[in-house]
Amino acid sequence: MKLDAEIALAHRLAEAARAEIRPLFRTEMDGEAKDDATPVTIADRNAEEAMRKLIEAEFSGDGIIGEEFDEKLGVSGRQWVLDPIDGTTAFLAGRPIFGTLIALVVEGFPVLGVIDQPILGERWLGIAGQGTTFNGQPVKTRPCPKLDMATIATTGPHYFSVEQGDKFMALAGQTDHKRMVMGGDCYNYAALASGHLDIVAEAGLKLHDYAALVPVVEGAGGVMSDWSGEPLHAGSDGTVLALGDPARLEDVVEVLA
């Protein structure tokens, strides 16, 4: 699939979001609570508005699904999926481990993904069928010969139901849990794509939370799925797994079951 124009646009979208986010980082700003109790700031809204304007100008027939505004229905069978600040809590705390997520979804499946950290100037780009890059250089996930050698990460236990939390802890208990990472949002998936983590497990995610992650992780040699091991798509149930070594997928799904 040739996506040269779309890739060029994705980079411009990331730059537009950076321009809105960077001046507001570590300033006096309060977050508002949305209906789901998660925080949102003017930086989230401004960054998404800036990206939407560029998409409308270049691919007006495409749909747009964003975290902060209503869905725009398209006519092309493609949707741009945007999360201007994945990790608003980290943003408000002055921690540069949040990211801007940009995805292109075709017929329900992600084919292009960007994880952009605007403060550190770090950008991961994944394209279906191509190798993932970090600031233009190829990156690879690392091998994990055994589950008990794996470093596992998740954003936080409060995002799990009681049952999901029990399953996660069962999985964590089979890994090198003394090195377990809490916090990180999308940055965990970027770290996994660059070979620094082995497993990320989360639940309750929406399409804008995970669509961009799939091409990035899989283009680096990893695999992403739901907790049943099924590939992620627009209709997935919100449980998300990322593994740097696809050979460990069966082991992980067995524990979660």
C-alpha atoms as a PDB file:
ATOM      1  CA  MET A   1       0.000   0.000   0.000  1.00  0.00           C
ATOM      2  CA  LYS A   2       1.531   3.280  -1.143  1.00  0.00           C
ATOM      3  CA  LEU A   3       0.922   6.009   1.441  1.00  0.00           C
ATOM      4  CA  ASP A   4       3.482   8.687   0.624  1.00  0.00           C
ATOM      5  CA  ALA A   5       1.025  11.592   0.821  1.00  0.00           C
ATOM      6  CA  GLU A   6      -0.538  10.207   3.985  1.00  0.00           C
ATOM      7  CA  ILE A   7       2.849   9.759   5.655  1.00  0.00           C
ATOM      8  CA  ALA A   8       3.816  13.326   4.788  1.00  0.00           C
ATOM      9  CA  LEU A   9       0.530  14.546   6.248  1.00  0.00           C
ATOM     10  CA  ALA A  10       1.018  12.486   9.411  1.00  0.00           C
ATOM     11  CA  HIS A  11       4.323  14.272  10.025  1.00  0.00           C
ATOM     12  CA  ARG A  12       2.654  17.651   9.519  1.00  0.00           C
ATOM     13  CA  LEU A  13      -0.123  16.654  11.918  1.00  0.00           C
ATOM     14  CA  ALA A  14       2.458  15.780  14.562  1.00  0.00           C
ATOM     15  CA  GLU A  15       4.229  19.107  14.042  1.00  0.00           C
ATOM     16  CA  ALA A  16       0.933  20.998  14.291  1.00  0.00           C
ATOM     17  CA  ALA A  17       0.123  19.236  17.560  1.00  0.00           C
ATOM     18  CA  ARG A  18       3.607  19.984  18.913  1.00  0.00           C
ATOM     19  CA  ALA A  19       3.128  23.668  18.185  1.00  0.00           C
ATOM     20  CA  GLU A  20      -0.004  23.732  20.339  1.00  0.00           C
ATOM     21  CA  ILE A  21       1.265  21.516  23.160  1.00  0.00           C
ATOM     22  CA  ARG A  22       4.837  22.648  23.797  1.00  0.00           C
ATOM     23  CA  PRO A  23       4.085  26.244  24.899  1.00  0.00           C
ATOM     24  CA  LEU A  24       1.573  24.973  27.487  1.00  0.00           C
ATOM     25  CA  PHE A  25       3.722  22.242  29.030  1.00  0.00           C
ATOM     26  CA  ARG A  26       4.599  22.924  32.693  1.00  0.00           C
ATOM     27  CA  THR A  27       2.480  26.074  32.781  1.00  0.00           C
ATOM     28  CA  GLU A  28      -0.259  26.842  35.271  1.00  0.00           C
ATOM     29  CA  MET A  29      -3.163  24.949  33.797  1.00  0.00           C
ATOM     30  CA  ASP A  30      -6.075  23.077  35.273  1.00  0.00           C
ATOM     31  CA  GLY A  31      -7.591  20.009  33.700  1.00  0.00           C
ATOM     32  CA  GLU A  32     -11.338  19.572  33.386  1.00  0.00           C
ATOM     33  CA  ALA A  33     -13.016  16.233  34.054  1.00  0.00           C
ATOM     34  CA  LYS A  34     -14.809  14.669  31.092  1.00  0.00           C
ATOM     35  CA  ASP A  35     -17.854  12.432  31.385  1.00  0.00           C
ATOM     36  CA  ASP A  36     -15.609   9.401  31.947  1.00  0.00           C
ATOM     37  CA  ALA A  37     -13.728  11.315  34.691  1.00  0.00           C
ATOM     38  CA  THR A  38     -10.498  11.509  32.664  1.00  0.00           C
ATOM     39  CA  PRO A  39      -8.881  14.961  32.420  1.00  0.00           C
ATOM     40  CA  VAL A  40      -8.788  17.241  29.389  1.00  0.00           C
ATOM     41  CA  THR A  41      -7.006  20.572  28.850  1.00  0.00           C
ATOM     42  CA  ILE A  42      -7.008  23.408  26.353  1.00  0.00           C
ATOM     43  CA  ALA A  43      -3.827  21.858  24.938  1.00  0.00           C
ATOM     44  CA  ASP A  44      -5.731  18.663  24.071  1.00  0.00           C
ATOM     45  CA  ARG A  45      -8.464  20.588  22.309  1.00  0.00           C
ATOM     46  CA  ASN A  46      -6.197  23.030  20.474  1.00  0.00           C
ATOM     47  CA  ALA A  47      -3.943  20.260  19.202  1.00  0.00           C
ATOM     48  CA  GLU A  48      -6.843  18.182  17.898  1.00  0.00           C
ATOM     49  CA  GLU A  49      -8.435  21.198  16.206  1.00  0.00           C
ATOM     50  CA  ALA A  50      -5.148  21.998  14.448  1.00  0.00           C
ATOM     51  CA  MET A  51      -4.830  18.426  13.170  1.00  0.00           C
ATOM     52  CA  ARG A  52      -8.443  18.263  12.017  1.00  0.00           C
ATOM     53  CA  LYS A  53      -8.018  21.411   9.914  1.00  0.00           C
ATOM     54  CA  LEU A  54      -5.060  19.901   8.049  1.00  0.00           C
ATOM     55  CA  ILE A  55      -6.895  16.639   7.367  1.00  0.00           C
ATOM     56  CA  GLU A  56      -9.977  18.489   6.099  1.00  0.00           C
ATOM     57  CA  ALA A  57      -7.791  20.497   3.742  1.00  0.00           C
ATOM     58  CA  GLU A  58      -5.937  17.522   2.245  1.00  0.00           C
ATOM     59  CA  PHE A  59      -8.247  14.500   2.534  1.00  0.00           C
ATOM     60  CA  SER A  60     -11.746  15.918   2.869  1.00  0.00           C
ATOM     61  CA  GLY A  61     -13.372  12.584   2.010  1.00  0.00           C
ATOM     62  CA  ASP A  62     -11.776  10.781   4.959  1.00  0.00           C
ATOM     63  CA  GLY A  63     -13.500  10.400   8.291  1.00  0.00           C
ATOM     64  CA  ILE A  64     -11.991  11.734  11.520  1.00  0.00           C
ATOM     65  CA  ILE A  65     -12.275  10.080  14.922  1.00  0.00           C
ATOM     66  CA  GLY A  66     -10.762  12.125  17.733  1.00  0.00           C
ATOM     67  CA  GLU A  67     -10.828  11.953  21.494  1.00  0.00           C
ATOM     68  CA  GLU A  68     -12.028  15.499  22.087  1.00  0.00           C
ATOM     69  CA  PHE A  69     -14.615  16.207  19.378  1.00  0.00           C
ATOM     70  CA  ASP A  70     -17.451  14.446  17.567  1.00  0.00           C
ATOM     71  CA  GLU A  71     -16.686  11.962  14.823  1.00  0.00           C
ATOM     72  CA  LYS A  72     -16.677  13.255  11.274  1.00  0.00           C
ATOM     73  CA  LEU A  73     -18.127  10.674   8.909  1.00  0.00           C
ATOM     74  CA  GLY A  74     -16.252  10.225   5.652  1.00  0.00           C
ATOM     75  CA  VAL A  75     -17.023   8.672   2.286  1.00  0.00           C
ATOM     76  CA  SER A  76     -13.682   6.981   1.541  1.00  0.00           C
ATOM     77  CA  GLY A  77     -13.732   4.014   3.934  1.00  0.00           C
ATOM     78  CA  ARG A  78     -10.767   5.579   5.750  1.00  0.00           C
ATOM     79  CA  GLN A  79     -10.582   7.331   9.102  1.00  0.00           C
ATOM     80  CA  TRP A  80      -7.875   9.417  10.700  1.00  0.00           C
ATOM     81  CA  VAL A  81      -7.852   8.548  14.384  1.00  0.00           C
ATOM     82  CA  LEU A  82      -6.405  11.180  16.716  1.00  0.00           C
ATOM     83  CA  ASP A  83      -5.488  11.388  20.372  1.00  0.00           C
ATOM     84  CA  PRO A  84      -3.827  14.793  20.817  1.00  0.00           C
ATOM     85  CA  ILE A  85      -2.445  14.035  24.288  1.00  0.00           C
ATOM     86  CA  ASP A  86      -2.471  10.376  25.279  1.00  0.00           C
ATOM     87  CA  GLY A  87      -1.560  10.725  28.932  1.00  0.00           C
ATOM     88  CA  THR A  88      -3.098  14.043  29.940  1.00  0.00           C
ATOM     89  CA  THR A  89      -2.464  13.176  33.598  1.00  0.00           C
ATOM     90  CA  ALA A  90       1.272  12.933  32.861  1.00  0.00           C
ATOM     91  CA  PHE A  91       1.096  16.183  30.866  1.00  0.00           C
ATOM     92  CA  LEU A  92      -0.511  17.989  33.817  1.00  0.00           C
ATOM     93  CA  ALA A  93       2.119  16.541  36.158  1.00  0.00           C
ATOM     94  CA  GLY A  94       4.938  17.900  33.984  1.00  0.00           C
ATOM     95  CA  ARG A  95       6.115  14.414  32.994  1.00  0.00           C
ATOM     96  CA  PRO A  96       7.177  14.113  29.307  1.00  0.00           C
ATOM     97  CA  ILE A  97       5.927  10.542  28.863  1.00  0.00           C
ATOM     98  CA  PHE A  98       2.642  11.426  27.166  1.00  0.00           C
ATOM     99  CA  GLY A  99       2.289  11.422  23.405  1.00  0.00           C
ATOM    100  CA  THR A 100       0.284  12.504  20.400  1.00  0.00           C
ATOM    101  CA  LEU A 101      -1.250   9.532  18.596  1.00  0.00           C
ATOM    102  CA  ILE A 102      -2.099   9.684  14.893  1.00  0.00           C
ATOM    103  CA  ALA A 103      -3.460   6.732  12.941  1.00  0.00           C
ATOM    104  CA  LEU A 104      -4.945   6.017   9.545  1.00  0.00           C
ATOM    105  CA  VAL A 105      -7.510   3.219   9.668  1.00  0.00           C
ATOM    106  CA  VAL A 106      -8.687   1.573   6.439  1.00  0.00           C
ATOM    107  CA  GLU A 107     -11.791  -0.618   6.540  1.00  0.00           C
ATOM    108  CA  GLY A 108     -11.412  -0.905  10.295  1.00  0.00           C
ATOM    109  CA  PHE A 109      -7.711  -1.819  10.472  1.00  0.00           C
ATOM    110  CA  PRO A 110      -4.800   0.534  11.299  1.00  0.00           C
ATOM    111  CA  VAL A 111      -2.308   0.908   8.432  1.00  0.00           C
ATOM    112  CA  LEU A 112      -0.330   3.946   9.606  1.00  0.00           C
ATOM    113  CA  GLY A 113       0.591   5.009  13.106  1.00  0.00           C
ATOM    114  CA  VAL A 114       2.572   7.797  14.759  1.00  0.00           C
ATOM    115  CA  ILE A 115       3.590   8.110  18.407  1.00  0.00           C
ATOM    116  CA  ASP A 116       4.997  11.607  18.902  1.00  0.00           C
ATOM    117  CA  GLN A 117       6.514  12.925  22.150  1.00  0.00           C
ATOM    118  CA  PRO A 118       6.488  16.680  21.562  1.00  0.00           C
ATOM    119  CA  ILE A 119       8.691  17.741  24.484  1.00  0.00           C
ATOM    120  CA  LEU A 120      11.548  15.287  23.914  1.00  0.00           C
ATOM    121  CA  GLY A 121      11.275  15.566  20.130  1.00  0.00           C
ATOM    122  CA  GLU A 122      10.782  11.811  19.690  1.00  0.00           C
ATOM    123  CA  ARG A 123       8.673  10.292  16.928  1.00  0.00           C
ATOM    124  CA  TRP A 124       7.933   6.684  16.056  1.00  0.00           C
ATOM    125  CA  LEU A 125       6.368   5.973  12.661  1.00  0.00           C
ATOM    126  CA  GLY A 126       4.836   2.653  11.698  1.00  0.00           C
ATOM    127  CA  ILE A 127       3.440   1.681   8.290  1.00  0.00           C
ATOM    128  CA  ALA A 128       1.769  -1.640   7.508  1.00  0.00           C
ATOM    129  CA  GLY A 129       4.262  -3.859   5.691  1.00  0.00           C
ATOM    130  CA  GLN A 130       7.219  -1.602   6.453  1.00  0.00           C
ATOM    131  CA  GLY A 131       9.744  -1.298   9.257  1.00  0.00           C
ATOM    132  CA  THR A 132       9.122   1.118  12.107  1.00  0.00           C
ATOM    133  CA  THR A 133      11.385   4.134  12.476  1.00  0.00           C
ATOM    134  CA  PHE A 134      12.330   6.297  15.455  1.00  0.00           C
ATOM    135  CA  ASN A 135      13.271   9.809  14.330  1.00  0.00           C
ATOM    136  CA  GLY A 136      13.931   8.344  10.900  1.00  0.00           C
ATOM    137  CA  GLN A 137      16.109   5.424  12.023  1.00  0.00           C
ATOM    138  CA  PRO A 138      14.964   1.773  12.061  1.00  0.00           C
ATOM    139  CA  VAL A 139      14.081   0.234  15.424  1.00  0.00           C
ATOM    140  CA  LYS A 140      13.412  -3.353  16.498  1.00  0.00           C
ATOM    141  CA  THR A 141      11.793  -5.058  19.436  1.00  0.00           C
ATOM    142  CA  ARG A 142      13.958  -7.412  21.478  1.00  0.00           C
ATOM    143  CA  PRO A 143      13.687 -11.197  21.830  1.00  0.00           C
ATOM    144  CA  CYS A 144      12.253 -12.647  25.039  1.00  0.00           C
ATOM    145  CA  PRO A 145      13.157 -16.354  25.292  1.00  0.00           C
ATOM    146  CA  LYS A 146      10.988 -17.034  28.372  1.00  0.00           C
ATOM    147  CA  LEU A 147       8.011 -15.377  30.027  1.00  0.00           C
ATOM    148  CA  ASP A 148       9.799 -15.140  33.372  1.00  0.00           C
ATOM    149  CA  MET A 149      12.439 -12.960  31.704  1.00  0.00           C
ATOM    150  CA  ALA A 150       9.895 -10.409  30.460  1.00  0.00           C
ATOM    151  CA  THR A 151       9.575  -6.835  31.697  1.00  0.00           C
ATOM    152  CA  ILE A 152       5.877  -5.916  31.790  1.00  0.00           C
ATOM    153  CA  ALA A 153       4.260  -2.475  31.830  1.00  0.00           C
ATOM    154  CA  THR A 154       0.818  -0.920  32.229  1.00  0.00           C
ATOM    155  CA  THR A 155      -0.446   2.612  32.730  1.00  0.00           C
ATOM    156  CA  GLY A 156      -2.079   1.884  36.084  1.00  0.00           C
ATOM    157  CA  PRO A 157      -4.169  -0.627  38.040  1.00  0.00           C
ATOM    158  CA  HIS A 158      -7.126   1.762  38.320  1.00  0.00           C
ATOM    159  CA  TYR A 159      -7.919   1.221  34.638  1.00  0.00           C
ATOM    160  CA  PHE A 160      -8.730  -2.468  35.233  1.00  0.00           C
ATOM    161  CA  SER A 161     -11.922  -3.995  36.540  1.00  0.00           C
ATOM    162  CA  VAL A 162     -11.430  -6.282  39.538  1.00  0.00           C
ATOM    163  CA  GLU A 163     -11.420  -9.343  37.266  1.00  0.00           C
ATOM    164  CA  GLN A 164      -9.042  -7.736  34.781  1.00  0.00           C
ATOM    165  CA  GLY A 165      -6.766  -6.623  37.605  1.00  0.00           C
ATOM    166  CA  ASP A 166      -6.585 -10.165  38.939  1.00  0.00           C
ATOM    167  CA  LYS A 167      -5.687 -11.461  35.486  1.00  0.00           C
ATOM    168  CA  PHE A 168      -3.039  -8.780  35.011  1.00  0.00           C
ATOM    169  CA  MET A 169      -1.427  -9.580  38.355  1.00  0.00           C
ATOM    170  CA  ALA A 170      -1.449 -13.280  37.471  1.00  0.00           C
ATOM    171  CA  LEU A 171       0.407 -12.405  34.277  1.00  0.00           C
ATOM    172  CA  ALA A 172       2.775 -10.051  36.092  1.00  0.00           C
ATOM    173  CA  GLY A 173       3.559 -12.828  38.550  1.00  0.00           C
ATOM    174  CA  GLN A 174       4.833 -14.967  35.679  1.00  0.00           C
ATOM    175  CA  THR A 175       7.166 -12.208  34.439  1.00  0.00           C
ATOM    176  CA  ASP A 176      10.204 -10.501  35.950  1.00  0.00           C
ATOM    177  CA  HIS A 177       7.763  -8.559  38.141  1.00  0.00           C
ATOM    178  CA  LYS A 178      10.477  -6.832  40.156  1.00  0.00           C
ATOM    179  CA  ARG A 179      11.054  -4.728  37.048  1.00  0.00           C
ATOM    180  CA  MET A 180       7.359  -4.067  36.377  1.00  0.00           C
ATOM    181  CA  VAL A 181       6.672  -0.564  35.028  1.00  0.00           C
ATOM    182  CA  MET A 182       3.624   1.433  36.150  1.00  0.00           C
ATOM    183  CA  GLY A 183       2.660   4.571  34.253  1.00  0.00           C
ATOM    184  CA  GLY A 184       3.611   5.538  30.744  1.00  0.00           C
ATOM    185  CA  ASP A 185       0.496   5.498  28.564  1.00  0.00           C
ATOM    186  CA  CYS A 186       1.496   5.304  24.874  1.00  0.00           C
ATOM    187  CA  TYR A 187       5.168   5.800  25.746  1.00  0.00           C
ATOM    188  CA  ASN A 188       5.324   2.190  26.953  1.00  0.00           C
ATOM    189  CA  TYR A 189       4.457   0.946  23.469  1.00  0.00           C
ATOM    190  CA  ALA A 190       7.106   3.193  21.936  1.00  0.00           C
ATOM    191  CA  ALA A 191       9.659   1.850  24.419  1.00  0.00           C
ATOM    192  CA  LEU A 192       8.615  -1.703  23.538  1.00  0.00           C
ATOM    193  CA  ALA A 193       9.030  -0.961  19.812  1.00  0.00           C
ATOM    194  CA  SER A 194      12.552   0.296  20.538  1.00  0.00           C
ATOM    195  CA  GLY A 195      13.465  -2.847  22.467  1.00  0.00           C
ATOM    196  CA  HIS A 196      13.262  -1.604  26.069  1.00  0.00           C
ATOM    197  CA  LEU A 197      10.138  -3.470  27.282  1.00  0.00           C
ATOM    198  CA  ASP A 198       8.686  -6.896  26.502  1.00  0.00           C
ATOM    199  CA  ILE A 199       4.962  -6.772  27.348  1.00  0.00           C
ATOM    200  CA  VAL A 200       2.344  -4.068  27.745  1.00  0.00           C
ATOM    201  CA  ALA A 201      -1.126  -5.111  28.943  1.00  0.00           C
ATOM    202  CA  GLU A 202      -4.059  -2.737  29.310  1.00  0.00           C
ATOM    203  CA  ALA A 203      -7.851  -2.695  29.278  1.00  0.00           C
ATOM    204  CA  GLY A 204     -10.637  -0.191  28.745  1.00  0.00           C
ATOM    205  CA  LEU A 205      -8.931   1.399  25.750  1.00  0.00           C
ATOM    206  CA  LYS A 206     -10.783   3.061  22.888  1.00  0.00           C
ATOM    207  CA  LEU A 207      -9.844   3.145  19.217  1.00  0.00           C
ATOM    208  CA  HIS A 208      -8.033   6.476  19.594  1.00  0.00           C
ATOM    209  CA  ASP A 209      -5.930   4.924  22.384  1.00  0.00           C
ATOM    210  CA  TYR A 210      -4.600   1.953  20.412  1.00  0.00           C
ATOM    211  CA  ALA A 211      -4.992   2.448  16.638  1.00  0.00           C
ATOM    212  CA  ALA A 212      -1.676   4.279  16.193  1.00  0.00           C
ATOM    213  CA  LEU A 213       0.195   1.779  18.357  1.00  0.00           C
ATOM    214  CA  VAL A 214      -0.471  -1.245  16.147  1.00  0.00           C
ATOM    215  CA  PRO A 215       1.609  -0.290  13.062  1.00  0.00           C
ATOM    216  CA  VAL A 216       4.411   1.024  15.295  1.00  0.00           C
ATOM    217  CA  VAL A 217       4.746  -2.142  17.386  1.00  0.00           C
ATOM    218  CA  GLU A 218       4.183  -4.613  14.555  1.00  0.00           C
ATOM    219  CA  GLY A 219       6.491  -2.777  12.152  1.00  0.00           C
ATOM    220  CA  ALA A 220       9.240  -3.130  14.763  1.00  0.00           C
ATOM    221  CA  GLY A 221       8.778  -6.900  14.880  1.00  0.00           C
ATOM    222  CA  GLY A 222       6.279  -7.168  17.729  1.00  0.00           C
ATOM    223  CA  VAL A 223       2.646  -8.162  17.843  1.00  0.00           C
ATOM    224  CA  MET A 224      -0.520  -6.563  19.193  1.00  0.00           C
ATOM    225  CA  SER A 225      -3.813  -8.221  20.033  1.00  0.00           C
ATOM    226  CA  ASP A 226      -6.688  -8.250  22.475  1.00  0.00           C
ATOM    227  CA  TRP A 227      -6.451 -10.441  25.568  1.00  0.00           C
ATOM    228  CA  SER A 228      -7.797 -13.381  23.575  1.00  0.00           C
ATOM    229  CA  GLY A 229      -4.989 -13.103  21.042  1.00  0.00           C
ATOM    230  CA  GLU A 230      -7.180 -11.671  18.266  1.00  0.00           C
ATOM    231  CA  PRO A 231      -5.832  -8.860  16.050  1.00  0.00           C
ATOM    232  CA  LEU A 232      -6.883  -5.332  17.004  1.00  0.00           C
ATOM    233  CA  HIS A 233      -9.370  -3.472  14.826  1.00  0.00           C
ATOM    234  CA  ALA A 234     -12.037  -0.774  15.143  1.00  0.00           C
ATOM    235  CA  GLY A 235     -14.465  -3.188  16.827  1.00  0.00           C
ATOM    236  CA  SER A 236     -12.073  -4.649  19.407  1.00  0.00           C
ATOM    237  CA  ASP A 237     -13.205  -4.934  23.031  1.00  0.00           C
ATOM    238  CA  GLY A 238     -10.666  -2.536  24.555  1.00  0.00           C
ATOM    239  CA  THR A 239      -8.326  -5.119  26.045  1.00  0.00           C
ATOM    240  CA  VAL A 240      -4.874  -4.618  24.547  1.00  0.00           C
ATOM    241  CA  LEU A 241      -1.662  -6.606  24.527  1.00  0.00           C
ATOM    242  CA  ALA A 242       1.665  -5.633  22.998  1.00  0.00           C
ATOM    243  CA  LEU A 243       4.552  -8.082  22.892  1.00  0.00           C
ATOM    244  CA  GLY A 244       8.013  -7.432  21.579  1.00  0.00           C
ATOM    245  CA  ASP A 245       8.529 -11.135  20.879  1.00  0.00           C
ATOM    246  CA  PRO A 246       5.524 -12.707  19.105  1.00  0.00           C
ATOM    247  CA  ALA A 247       6.675 -16.138  20.327  1.00  0.00           C
ATOM    248  CA  ARG A 248       5.393 -15.231  23.802  1.00  0.00           C
ATOM    249  CA  LEU A 249       1.830 -14.420  22.692  1.00  0.00           C
ATOM    250  CA  GLU A 250       0.466 -17.923  23.329  1.00  0.00           C
ATOM    251  CA  ASP A 251       2.074 -17.963  26.796  1.00  0.00           C
ATOM    252  CA  VAL A 252       0.536 -14.604  27.726  1.00  0.00           C
ATOM    253  CA  VAL A 253      -2.950 -15.389  26.392  1.00  0.00           C
ATOM    254  CA  GLU A 254      -2.918 -18.692  28.285  1.00  0.00           C
ATOM    255  CA  VAL A 255      -2.204 -16.912  31.585  1.00  0.00           C
ATOM    256  CA  LEU A 256      -4.857 -14.252  30.968  1.00  0.00           C
ATOM    257  CA  ALA A 257      -7.442 -16.927  30.164  1.00  0.00           C
END
